[in-house]
Amino acid sequence: MQNASASLSQQRLEWLTRLSTPRGRSAKALSTAEWDAAEGLARVLRGKGNLSALGLFRSGQQWLRVEEVMCLVDEGSLLLLRDGQPLSVHAARVMLLGPQPGTAFEGAAAAKRELSISTFAALHRSGYVCRPPAPLADDDAYRRAGSPTLFAVYERREALFFDVVSGCG
């Protein structure tokens, strides 16, 4: 019995050692963006990897939307800054999605934003490019029905002919 206990203790120690090993990526390998609350977007300061399929460009600067920021922060490929200070995943989520009474992000609007982020993340991780939909005449019908189009979805090389529609009313 003592031998089994010693073996179990050794395995437990090895497991705890593996857990304590630092994980993640070097800050030099991460893309970096600064949150701009006035714009409601994050300005890319340093792009690593292939960020060209994300965001929008204004005056030579790349900007990321909330969905893109949260997806990249969650997967560990974006270091988000606020006032020059790095934010943890939790701090970024609270800042971008947390309860903010009196704003558009409370109640049902917060649930829709979370749905939008999780939908974007699932599609992005499956290899699709998601863009805000171009205003279409029939988009008004979706809005009146309470299910606005969330994204126009494209494969990396060819356009797909569908829009992702919100399931929330």
N, C-alpha and C. Protein backbone atom coordinates (compact mmCIF):
# COMPACT_ATOMS: atom_id res chain seq x y z
N MET A 1 0.83 -1.19 0.00
CA MET A 1 0.00 0.00 0.00
C MET A 1 0.87 1.25 0.00
N GLN A 2 1.97 1.20 0.74
CA GLN A 2 2.86 2.36 0.80
C GLN A 2 3.46 2.65 -0.56
N ASN A 3 3.75 1.59 -1.34
CA ASN A 3 4.33 1.77 -2.66
C ASN A 3 3.34 2.47 -3.59
N ALA A 4 2.06 2.09 -3.50
CA ALA A 4 1.02 2.72 -4.32
C ALA A 4 0.84 4.18 -3.92
N SER A 5 0.92 4.46 -2.63
CA SER A 5 0.77 5.82 -2.14
C SER A 5 1.93 6.69 -2.61
N ALA A 6 3.14 6.12 -2.58
CA ALA A 6 4.32 6.87 -3.05
C ALA A 6 4.22 7.14 -4.54
N SER A 7 3.74 6.14 -5.29
CA SER A 7 3.58 6.30 -6.73
C SER A 7 2.54 7.38 -7.03
N LEU A 8 1.43 7.35 -6.28
CA LEU A 8 0.39 8.36 -6.46
C LEU A 8 0.91 9.75 -6.13
N SER A 9 1.69 9.87 -5.08
CA SER A 9 2.28 11.16 -4.69
C SER A 9 3.24 11.65 -5.77
N GLN A 10 4.01 10.73 -6.33
CA GLN A 10 4.95 11.11 -7.40
C GLN A 10 4.19 11.60 -8.64
N GLN A 11 3.13 10.90 -9.00
CA GLN A 11 2.32 11.31 -10.15
C GLN A 11 1.67 12.67 -9.90
N ARG A 12 1.18 12.87 -8.71
CA ARG A 12 0.55 14.14 -8.34
C ARG A 12 1.56 15.28 -8.44
N LEU A 13 2.78 15.04 -7.95
CA LEU A 13 3.84 16.05 -8.00
C LEU A 13 4.19 16.39 -9.45
N GLU A 14 4.29 15.37 -10.32
CA GLU A 14 4.58 15.61 -11.74
C GLU A 14 3.45 16.42 -12.39
N TRP A 15 2.22 16.08 -12.04
CA TRP A 15 1.07 16.79 -12.60
C TRP A 15 1.08 18.25 -12.18
N LEU A 16 1.35 18.50 -10.89
CA LEU A 16 1.40 19.88 -10.40
C LEU A 16 2.56 20.64 -11.03
N THR A 17 3.67 19.98 -11.28
CA THR A 17 4.81 20.62 -11.94
C THR A 17 4.42 21.04 -13.36
N ARG A 18 3.73 20.14 -14.09
CA ARG A 18 3.28 20.49 -15.44
C ARG A 18 2.31 21.66 -15.42
N LEU A 19 1.43 21.69 -14.42
CA LEU A 19 0.46 22.79 -14.33
C LEU A 19 1.14 24.12 -14.04
N SER A 20 2.22 24.08 -13.28
CA SER A 20 2.88 25.34 -12.91
C SER A 20 3.80 25.87 -14.00
N THR A 21 4.04 25.07 -15.03
CA THR A 21 4.89 25.52 -16.13
C THR A 21 4.19 26.64 -16.88
N PRO A 22 4.88 27.75 -17.09
CA PRO A 22 4.24 28.88 -17.80
C PRO A 22 3.80 28.45 -19.20
N ARG A 23 2.61 28.86 -19.56
CA ARG A 23 2.08 28.58 -20.88
C ARG A 23 1.76 29.90 -21.56
N GLY A 24 1.50 29.81 -22.83
CA GLY A 24 1.14 31.01 -23.55
C GLY A 24 2.19 31.35 -24.58
N ARG A 25 2.14 32.55 -25.02
CA ARG A 25 3.04 33.00 -26.07
C ARG A 25 3.87 34.16 -25.57
N SER A 26 4.99 34.32 -26.18
CA SER A 26 5.84 35.46 -25.87
C SER A 26 5.13 36.73 -26.31
N ALA A 27 5.28 37.79 -25.54
CA ALA A 27 4.64 39.06 -25.90
C ALA A 27 5.12 39.54 -27.27
N LYS A 28 6.34 39.16 -27.66
CA LYS A 28 6.85 39.57 -28.96
C LYS A 28 6.11 38.87 -30.10
N ALA A 29 5.52 37.70 -29.82
CA ALA A 29 4.81 36.95 -30.86
C ALA A 29 3.34 37.33 -30.95
N LEU A 30 2.87 38.18 -30.04
CA LEU A 30 1.46 38.57 -30.02
C LEU A 30 1.20 39.83 -30.82
N SER A 31 0.03 39.89 -31.39
CA SER A 31 -0.44 41.16 -31.95
C SER A 31 -0.82 42.02 -30.75
N THR A 32 -0.71 43.32 -30.90
CA THR A 32 -1.04 44.24 -29.82
C THR A 32 -2.01 45.29 -30.34
N ALA A 33 -3.02 45.59 -29.52
CA ALA A 33 -4.00 46.61 -29.90
C ALA A 33 -4.38 47.41 -28.66
N GLU A 34 -4.67 48.68 -28.87
CA GLU A 34 -5.09 49.59 -27.79
C GLU A 34 -6.58 49.87 -27.95
N TRP A 35 -7.34 49.67 -26.87
CA TRP A 35 -8.78 49.92 -26.92
C TRP A 35 -9.04 51.43 -26.93
N ASP A 36 -9.89 51.87 -27.85
CA ASP A 36 -10.30 53.27 -27.94
C ASP A 36 -11.80 53.32 -27.66
N ALA A 37 -12.15 53.71 -26.44
CA ALA A 37 -13.55 53.70 -26.02
C ALA A 37 -14.40 54.66 -26.85
N ALA A 38 -13.83 55.78 -27.28
CA ALA A 38 -14.58 56.75 -28.07
C ALA A 38 -14.99 56.15 -29.42
N GLU A 39 -14.11 55.35 -30.01
CA GLU A 39 -14.39 54.72 -31.30
C GLU A 39 -15.18 53.43 -31.13
N GLY A 40 -15.06 52.80 -29.97
CA GLY A 40 -15.67 51.49 -29.77
C GLY A 40 -14.94 50.41 -30.55
N LEU A 41 -13.65 50.66 -30.81
CA LEU A 41 -12.80 49.76 -31.59
C LEU A 41 -11.42 49.71 -30.95
N ALA A 42 -10.65 48.70 -31.32
CA ALA A 42 -9.26 48.60 -30.85
C ALA A 42 -8.34 48.89 -32.03
N ARG A 43 -7.40 49.82 -31.83
CA ARG A 43 -6.44 50.17 -32.89
C ARG A 43 -5.24 49.24 -32.79
N VAL A 44 -4.93 48.56 -33.89
CA VAL A 44 -3.81 47.62 -33.91
C VAL A 44 -2.51 48.40 -33.89
N LEU A 45 -1.68 48.11 -32.89
CA LEU A 45 -0.37 48.76 -32.77
C LEU A 45 0.71 47.92 -33.43
N ARG A 46 0.58 46.59 -33.27
CA ARG A 46 1.54 45.66 -33.88
C ARG A 46 0.78 44.42 -34.31
N GLY A 47 0.78 44.16 -35.59
CA GLY A 47 0.09 42.99 -36.12
C GLY A 47 1.05 41.85 -36.35
N LYS A 48 0.75 40.71 -35.79
CA LYS A 48 1.54 39.49 -36.02
C LYS A 48 0.61 38.46 -36.62
N GLY A 49 1.14 37.61 -37.46
CA GLY A 49 0.29 36.61 -38.09
C GLY A 49 -0.54 37.25 -39.18
N ASN A 50 -1.67 36.64 -39.45
CA ASN A 50 -2.52 37.13 -40.54
C ASN A 50 -3.74 37.85 -39.99
N LEU A 51 -3.57 39.13 -39.69
CA LEU A 51 -4.69 39.95 -39.23
C LEU A 51 -5.38 40.68 -40.38
N SER A 52 -4.86 40.52 -41.59
CA SER A 52 -5.39 41.31 -42.71
C SER A 52 -6.84 40.97 -43.04
N ALA A 53 -7.31 39.78 -42.66
CA ALA A 53 -8.70 39.40 -42.93
C ALA A 53 -9.65 39.93 -41.86
N LEU A 54 -9.11 40.62 -40.87
CA LEU A 54 -9.92 41.11 -39.76
C LEU A 54 -9.97 42.63 -39.76
N GLY A 55 -11.00 43.14 -39.12
CA GLY A 55 -11.08 44.57 -38.87
C GLY A 55 -11.37 45.41 -40.08
N LEU A 56 -11.07 46.69 -39.89
CA LEU A 56 -11.26 47.66 -40.95
C LEU A 56 -10.07 48.61 -40.92
N PHE A 57 -9.89 49.31 -42.01
CA PHE A 57 -8.75 50.22 -42.13
C PHE A 57 -9.27 51.64 -42.30
N ARG A 58 -8.71 52.55 -41.49
CA ARG A 58 -9.02 53.98 -41.58
C ARG A 58 -7.72 54.74 -41.51
N SER A 59 -7.51 55.58 -42.48
CA SER A 59 -6.31 56.43 -42.53
C SER A 59 -5.03 55.64 -42.28
N GLY A 60 -4.94 54.48 -42.89
CA GLY A 60 -3.73 53.68 -42.79
C GLY A 60 -3.61 52.90 -41.48
N GLN A 61 -4.59 52.98 -40.62
CA GLN A 61 -4.57 52.25 -39.35
C GLN A 61 -5.58 51.12 -39.40
N GLN A 62 -5.21 49.97 -38.82
CA GLN A 62 -6.14 48.85 -38.73
C GLN A 62 -6.86 48.91 -37.39
N TRP A 63 -8.17 48.71 -37.43
CA TRP A 63 -9.01 48.72 -36.23
C TRP A 63 -9.75 47.40 -36.15
N LEU A 64 -9.93 46.88 -34.95
CA LEU A 64 -10.65 45.64 -34.72
C LEU A 64 -11.96 45.90 -33.99
N ARG A 65 -12.99 45.18 -34.39
CA ARG A 65 -14.30 45.27 -33.73
C ARG A 65 -14.29 44.44 -32.45
N VAL A 66 -15.30 44.66 -31.61
CA VAL A 66 -15.39 43.96 -30.32
C VAL A 66 -15.33 42.45 -30.50
N GLU A 67 -16.08 41.90 -31.46
CA GLU A 67 -16.09 40.46 -31.69
C GLU A 67 -14.71 39.94 -32.03
N GLU A 68 -14.00 40.67 -32.87
CA GLU A 68 -12.66 40.26 -33.28
C GLU A 68 -11.69 40.33 -32.11
N VAL A 69 -11.79 41.41 -31.33
CA VAL A 69 -10.93 41.59 -30.17
C VAL A 69 -11.12 40.44 -29.18
N MET A 70 -12.37 40.14 -28.83
CA MET A 70 -12.62 39.10 -27.85
C MET A 70 -12.19 37.74 -28.35
N CYS A 71 -12.40 37.44 -29.61
CA CYS A 71 -11.98 36.16 -30.18
C CYS A 71 -10.46 36.02 -30.09
N LEU A 72 -9.74 37.04 -30.49
CA LEU A 72 -8.28 36.99 -30.48
C LEU A 72 -7.71 36.98 -29.07
N VAL A 73 -8.31 37.74 -28.16
CA VAL A 73 -7.86 37.75 -26.76
C VAL A 73 -8.11 36.37 -26.15
N ASP A 74 -9.29 35.80 -26.40
CA ASP A 74 -9.63 34.49 -25.86
C ASP A 74 -8.67 33.40 -26.34
N GLU A 75 -8.27 33.48 -27.61
CA GLU A 75 -7.38 32.44 -28.12
C GLU A 75 -5.90 32.74 -27.85
N GLY A 76 -5.64 33.87 -27.21
CA GLY A 76 -4.27 34.18 -26.80
C GLY A 76 -3.38 34.74 -27.88
N SER A 77 -3.95 35.29 -28.94
CA SER A 77 -3.12 35.85 -30.00
C SER A 77 -3.15 37.37 -30.07
N LEU A 78 -3.83 38.02 -29.11
CA LEU A 78 -3.87 39.48 -29.07
C LEU A 78 -3.67 39.96 -27.64
N LEU A 79 -2.76 40.88 -27.48
CA LEU A 79 -2.57 41.56 -26.20
C LEU A 79 -3.32 42.87 -26.31
N LEU A 80 -4.37 43.01 -25.50
CA LEU A 80 -5.20 44.22 -25.52
C LEU A 80 -4.73 45.16 -24.43
N LEU A 81 -4.54 46.42 -24.80
CA LEU A 81 -4.10 47.45 -23.87
C LEU A 81 -5.22 48.45 -23.65
N ARG A 82 -5.26 49.01 -22.45
CA ARG A 82 -6.12 50.16 -22.16
C ARG A 82 -5.26 51.14 -21.40
N ASP A 83 -5.16 52.35 -21.91
CA ASP A 83 -4.29 53.38 -21.33
C ASP A 83 -2.87 52.87 -21.19
N GLY A 84 -2.41 52.08 -22.17
CA GLY A 84 -1.05 51.57 -22.19
C GLY A 84 -0.80 50.37 -21.29
N GLN A 85 -1.80 49.93 -20.54
CA GLN A 85 -1.65 48.80 -19.63
C GLN A 85 -2.29 47.55 -20.22
N PRO A 86 -1.60 46.40 -20.17
CA PRO A 86 -2.18 45.17 -20.71
C PRO A 86 -3.35 44.68 -19.86
N LEU A 87 -4.34 44.11 -20.52
CA LEU A 87 -5.52 43.59 -19.85
C LEU A 87 -5.50 42.06 -19.89
N SER A 88 -5.94 41.44 -18.80
CA SER A 88 -6.13 40.00 -18.79
C SER A 88 -7.36 39.66 -19.63
N VAL A 89 -7.56 38.39 -19.90
CA VAL A 89 -8.75 37.97 -20.64
C VAL A 89 -10.00 38.39 -19.87
N HIS A 90 -9.98 38.16 -18.57
CA HIS A 90 -11.14 38.52 -17.74
C HIS A 90 -11.38 40.03 -17.75
N ALA A 91 -10.32 40.81 -17.58
CA ALA A 91 -10.46 42.27 -17.57
C ALA A 91 -10.97 42.79 -18.91
N ALA A 92 -10.49 42.20 -20.01
CA ALA A 92 -10.96 42.60 -21.34
C ALA A 92 -12.45 42.27 -21.50
N ARG A 93 -12.85 41.09 -21.05
CA ARG A 93 -14.25 40.68 -21.16
C ARG A 93 -15.15 41.60 -20.34
N VAL A 94 -14.72 41.93 -19.12
CA VAL A 94 -15.51 42.82 -18.27
C VAL A 94 -15.60 44.21 -18.89
N MET A 95 -14.46 44.72 -19.40
CA MET A 95 -14.46 46.05 -19.99
C MET A 95 -15.36 46.11 -21.22
N LEU A 96 -15.29 45.10 -22.07
CA LEU A 96 -16.04 45.13 -23.33
C LEU A 96 -17.48 44.65 -23.20
N LEU A 97 -17.73 43.75 -22.26
CA LEU A 97 -19.04 43.11 -22.20
C LEU A 97 -19.72 43.21 -20.85
N GLY A 98 -19.00 43.70 -19.86
CA GLY A 98 -19.53 43.69 -18.51
C GLY A 98 -20.75 44.56 -18.34
N PRO A 99 -21.42 44.41 -17.20
CA PRO A 99 -22.60 45.21 -16.95
C PRO A 99 -22.25 46.69 -16.88
N GLN A 100 -22.85 47.45 -17.75
CA GLN A 100 -22.61 48.88 -17.80
C GLN A 100 -23.98 49.55 -17.81
N PRO A 101 -24.57 49.76 -16.63
CA PRO A 101 -25.92 50.31 -16.56
C PRO A 101 -26.05 51.62 -17.35
N GLY A 102 -27.17 51.74 -18.01
CA GLY A 102 -27.42 52.95 -18.78
C GLY A 102 -26.79 52.94 -20.15
N THR A 103 -26.17 51.83 -20.54
CA THR A 103 -25.55 51.75 -21.86
C THR A 103 -26.28 50.71 -22.69
N ALA A 104 -25.84 50.57 -23.92
CA ALA A 104 -26.45 49.59 -24.82
C ALA A 104 -26.10 48.17 -24.43
N PHE A 105 -25.22 47.98 -23.45
CA PHE A 105 -24.74 46.65 -23.12
C PHE A 105 -25.42 46.04 -21.90
N GLU A 106 -26.58 46.55 -21.51
CA GLU A 106 -27.24 45.93 -20.37
C GLU A 106 -28.41 45.08 -20.84
N GLY A 107 -28.78 44.09 -20.04
CA GLY A 107 -29.94 43.25 -20.31
C GLY A 107 -29.84 42.44 -21.58
N ALA A 108 -30.89 42.50 -22.39
CA ALA A 108 -30.97 41.70 -23.61
C ALA A 108 -29.88 42.09 -24.60
N ALA A 109 -29.50 43.35 -24.61
CA ALA A 109 -28.44 43.78 -25.52
C ALA A 109 -27.12 43.08 -25.20
N ALA A 110 -26.84 42.85 -23.92
CA ALA A 110 -25.63 42.15 -23.52
C ALA A 110 -25.68 40.70 -23.99
N ALA A 111 -26.84 40.07 -23.90
CA ALA A 111 -26.99 38.69 -24.37
C ALA A 111 -26.78 38.60 -25.87
N LYS A 112 -27.29 39.57 -26.61
CA LYS A 112 -27.10 39.58 -28.07
C LYS A 112 -25.63 39.79 -28.42
N ARG A 113 -24.96 40.64 -27.67
CA ARG A 113 -23.53 40.89 -27.93
C ARG A 113 -22.73 39.61 -27.67
N GLU A 114 -23.05 38.91 -26.59
CA GLU A 114 -22.36 37.65 -26.27
C GLU A 114 -22.62 36.60 -27.35
N LEU A 115 -23.86 36.54 -27.86
CA LEU A 115 -24.18 35.63 -28.96
C LEU A 115 -23.37 35.99 -30.20
N SER A 116 -23.28 37.27 -30.48
CA SER A 116 -22.52 37.74 -31.64
C SER A 116 -21.06 37.34 -31.51
N ILE A 117 -20.49 37.49 -30.32
CA ILE A 117 -19.08 37.16 -30.11
C ILE A 117 -18.85 35.66 -30.24
N SER A 118 -19.71 34.86 -29.63
CA SER A 118 -19.52 33.41 -29.70
C SER A 118 -19.74 32.89 -31.13
N THR A 119 -20.67 33.49 -31.87
CA THR A 119 -20.89 33.11 -33.26
C THR A 119 -19.67 33.46 -34.11
N PHE A 120 -19.18 34.68 -33.92
CA PHE A 120 -17.99 35.11 -34.66
C PHE A 120 -16.82 34.18 -34.36
N ALA A 121 -16.58 33.87 -33.07
CA ALA A 121 -15.45 33.04 -32.68
C ALA A 121 -15.54 31.65 -33.30
N ALA A 122 -16.73 31.05 -33.29
CA ALA A 122 -16.90 29.71 -33.87
C ALA A 122 -16.62 29.72 -35.37
N LEU A 123 -17.12 30.72 -36.07
CA LEU A 123 -16.89 30.80 -37.51
C LEU A 123 -15.42 31.11 -37.81
N HIS A 124 -14.83 32.02 -37.07
CA HIS A 124 -13.42 32.39 -37.28
C HIS A 124 -12.51 31.18 -37.07
N ARG A 125 -12.75 30.44 -36.00
CA ARG A 125 -11.92 29.27 -35.69
C ARG A 125 -12.14 28.13 -36.68
N SER A 126 -13.26 28.17 -37.40
CA SER A 126 -13.53 27.16 -38.43
C SER A 126 -12.97 27.58 -39.78
N GLY A 127 -12.30 28.72 -39.84
CA GLY A 127 -11.63 29.14 -41.06
C GLY A 127 -12.40 30.11 -41.94
N TYR A 128 -13.50 30.66 -41.44
CA TYR A 128 -14.28 31.60 -42.23
C TYR A 128 -13.89 33.04 -41.90
N VAL A 129 -14.16 33.92 -42.84
CA VAL A 129 -13.96 35.35 -42.65
C VAL A 129 -15.34 35.96 -42.43
N CYS A 130 -15.50 36.71 -41.36
CA CYS A 130 -16.78 37.31 -41.02
C CYS A 130 -16.66 38.82 -41.12
N ARG A 131 -17.57 39.42 -41.81
CA ARG A 131 -17.61 40.88 -41.96
C ARG A 131 -18.99 41.37 -41.57
N PRO A 132 -19.09 42.61 -41.10
CA PRO A 132 -20.42 43.17 -40.89
C PRO A 132 -21.15 43.16 -42.23
N PRO A 133 -22.44 42.91 -42.21
CA PRO A 133 -23.16 42.82 -43.48
C PRO A 133 -23.23 44.17 -44.18
N ALA A 134 -23.18 44.12 -45.50
CA ALA A 134 -23.42 45.33 -46.28
C ALA A 134 -24.90 45.63 -46.18
N PRO A 135 -25.26 46.90 -46.08
CA PRO A 135 -26.69 47.21 -46.00
C PRO A 135 -27.41 46.74 -47.27
N LEU A 136 -28.39 45.92 -47.07
CA LEU A 136 -29.19 45.41 -48.19
C LEU A 136 -30.64 45.80 -47.98
N ALA A 137 -31.38 45.87 -49.05
CA ALA A 137 -32.80 46.22 -48.94
C ALA A 137 -33.54 45.20 -48.09
N ASP A 138 -33.22 43.90 -48.25
CA ASP A 138 -33.95 42.88 -47.49
C ASP A 138 -33.45 42.77 -46.05
N ASP A 139 -32.36 43.46 -45.70
CA ASP A 139 -31.88 43.45 -44.33
C ASP A 139 -32.90 44.11 -43.40
N ASP A 140 -33.67 45.06 -43.93
CA ASP A 140 -34.71 45.71 -43.13
C ASP A 140 -35.76 44.70 -42.67
N ALA A 141 -36.02 43.70 -43.51
CA ALA A 141 -36.99 42.66 -43.12
C ALA A 141 -36.47 41.88 -41.92
N TYR A 142 -35.17 41.58 -41.91
CA TYR A 142 -34.58 40.88 -40.77
C TYR A 142 -34.70 41.74 -39.51
N ARG A 143 -34.40 43.02 -39.64
CA ARG A 143 -34.45 43.91 -38.48
C ARG A 143 -35.87 44.02 -37.93
N ARG A 144 -36.86 44.15 -38.82
CA ARG A 144 -38.25 44.22 -38.37
C ARG A 144 -38.67 42.93 -37.67
N ALA A 145 -38.11 41.80 -38.10
CA ALA A 145 -38.45 40.51 -37.49
C ALA A 145 -37.70 40.32 -36.17
N GLY A 146 -36.82 41.25 -35.82
CA GLY A 146 -36.07 41.15 -34.57
C GLY A 146 -34.84 40.29 -34.68
N SER A 147 -34.45 39.88 -35.88
CA SER A 147 -33.26 39.05 -36.08
C SER A 147 -32.37 39.67 -37.14
N PRO A 148 -31.63 40.72 -36.79
CA PRO A 148 -30.78 41.37 -37.79
C PRO A 148 -29.63 40.46 -38.21
N THR A 149 -29.14 40.66 -39.40
CA THR A 149 -27.99 39.92 -39.89
C THR A 149 -26.78 40.30 -39.05
N LEU A 150 -26.09 39.29 -38.53
CA LEU A 150 -24.89 39.55 -37.72
C LEU A 150 -23.67 39.74 -38.59
N PHE A 151 -23.44 38.81 -39.53
CA PHE A 151 -22.22 38.82 -40.33
C PHE A 151 -22.52 38.34 -41.74
N ALA A 152 -21.75 38.83 -42.68
CA ALA A 152 -21.63 38.20 -43.98
C ALA A 152 -20.44 37.25 -43.82
N VAL A 153 -20.59 36.00 -44.24
CA VAL A 153 -19.57 34.99 -43.99
C VAL A 153 -18.97 34.55 -45.31
N TYR A 154 -17.64 34.48 -45.36
CA TYR A 154 -16.91 34.10 -46.56
C TYR A 154 -15.90 33.02 -46.22
N GLU A 155 -15.64 32.14 -47.19
CA GLU A 155 -14.52 31.24 -47.04
C GLU A 155 -13.27 32.07 -47.31
N ARG A 156 -12.14 31.54 -46.98
CA ARG A 156 -10.91 32.31 -47.17
C ARG A 156 -10.70 32.70 -48.62
N ARG A 157 -11.18 31.90 -49.59
CA ARG A 157 -10.93 32.21 -50.99
C ARG A 157 -12.20 32.53 -51.78
N GLU A 158 -13.33 31.96 -51.44
CA GLU A 158 -14.56 32.20 -52.20
C GLU A 158 -15.65 32.72 -51.29
N ALA A 159 -16.50 33.55 -51.82
CA ALA A 159 -17.63 34.06 -51.03
C ALA A 159 -18.69 32.97 -50.90
N LEU A 160 -19.23 32.85 -49.73
CA LEU A 160 -20.39 31.99 -49.52
C LEU A 160 -21.62 32.86 -49.65
N PHE A 161 -22.70 32.28 -50.06
CA PHE A 161 -23.88 33.08 -50.30
C PHE A 161 -24.88 32.94 -49.17
N PHE A 162 -24.44 33.28 -47.97
CA PHE A 162 -25.39 33.29 -46.86
C PHE A 162 -24.93 34.30 -45.81
N ASP A 163 -25.88 34.70 -45.02
CA ASP A 163 -25.62 35.57 -43.89
C ASP A 163 -25.97 34.81 -42.62
N VAL A 164 -25.28 35.13 -41.56
CA VAL A 164 -25.61 34.53 -40.27
C VAL A 164 -26.62 35.44 -39.62
N VAL A 165 -27.73 34.87 -39.20
CA VAL A 165 -28.82 35.65 -38.64
C VAL A 165 -28.93 35.37 -37.15
N SER A 166 -29.13 36.39 -36.39
CA SER A 166 -29.27 36.27 -34.95
C SER A 166 -30.46 35.42 -34.59
N GLY A 167 -30.33 34.63 -33.52
CA GLY A 167 -31.44 33.84 -33.04
C GLY A 167 -32.20 34.54 -31.93
N CYS A 168 -31.73 35.71 -31.51
CA CYS A 168 -32.40 36.43 -30.42
C CYS A 168 -33.43 37.38 -31.00
N GLY A 169 -34.48 37.60 -30.28
CA GLY A 169 -35.53 38.52 -30.73
C GLY A 169 -35.44 39.82 -30.12
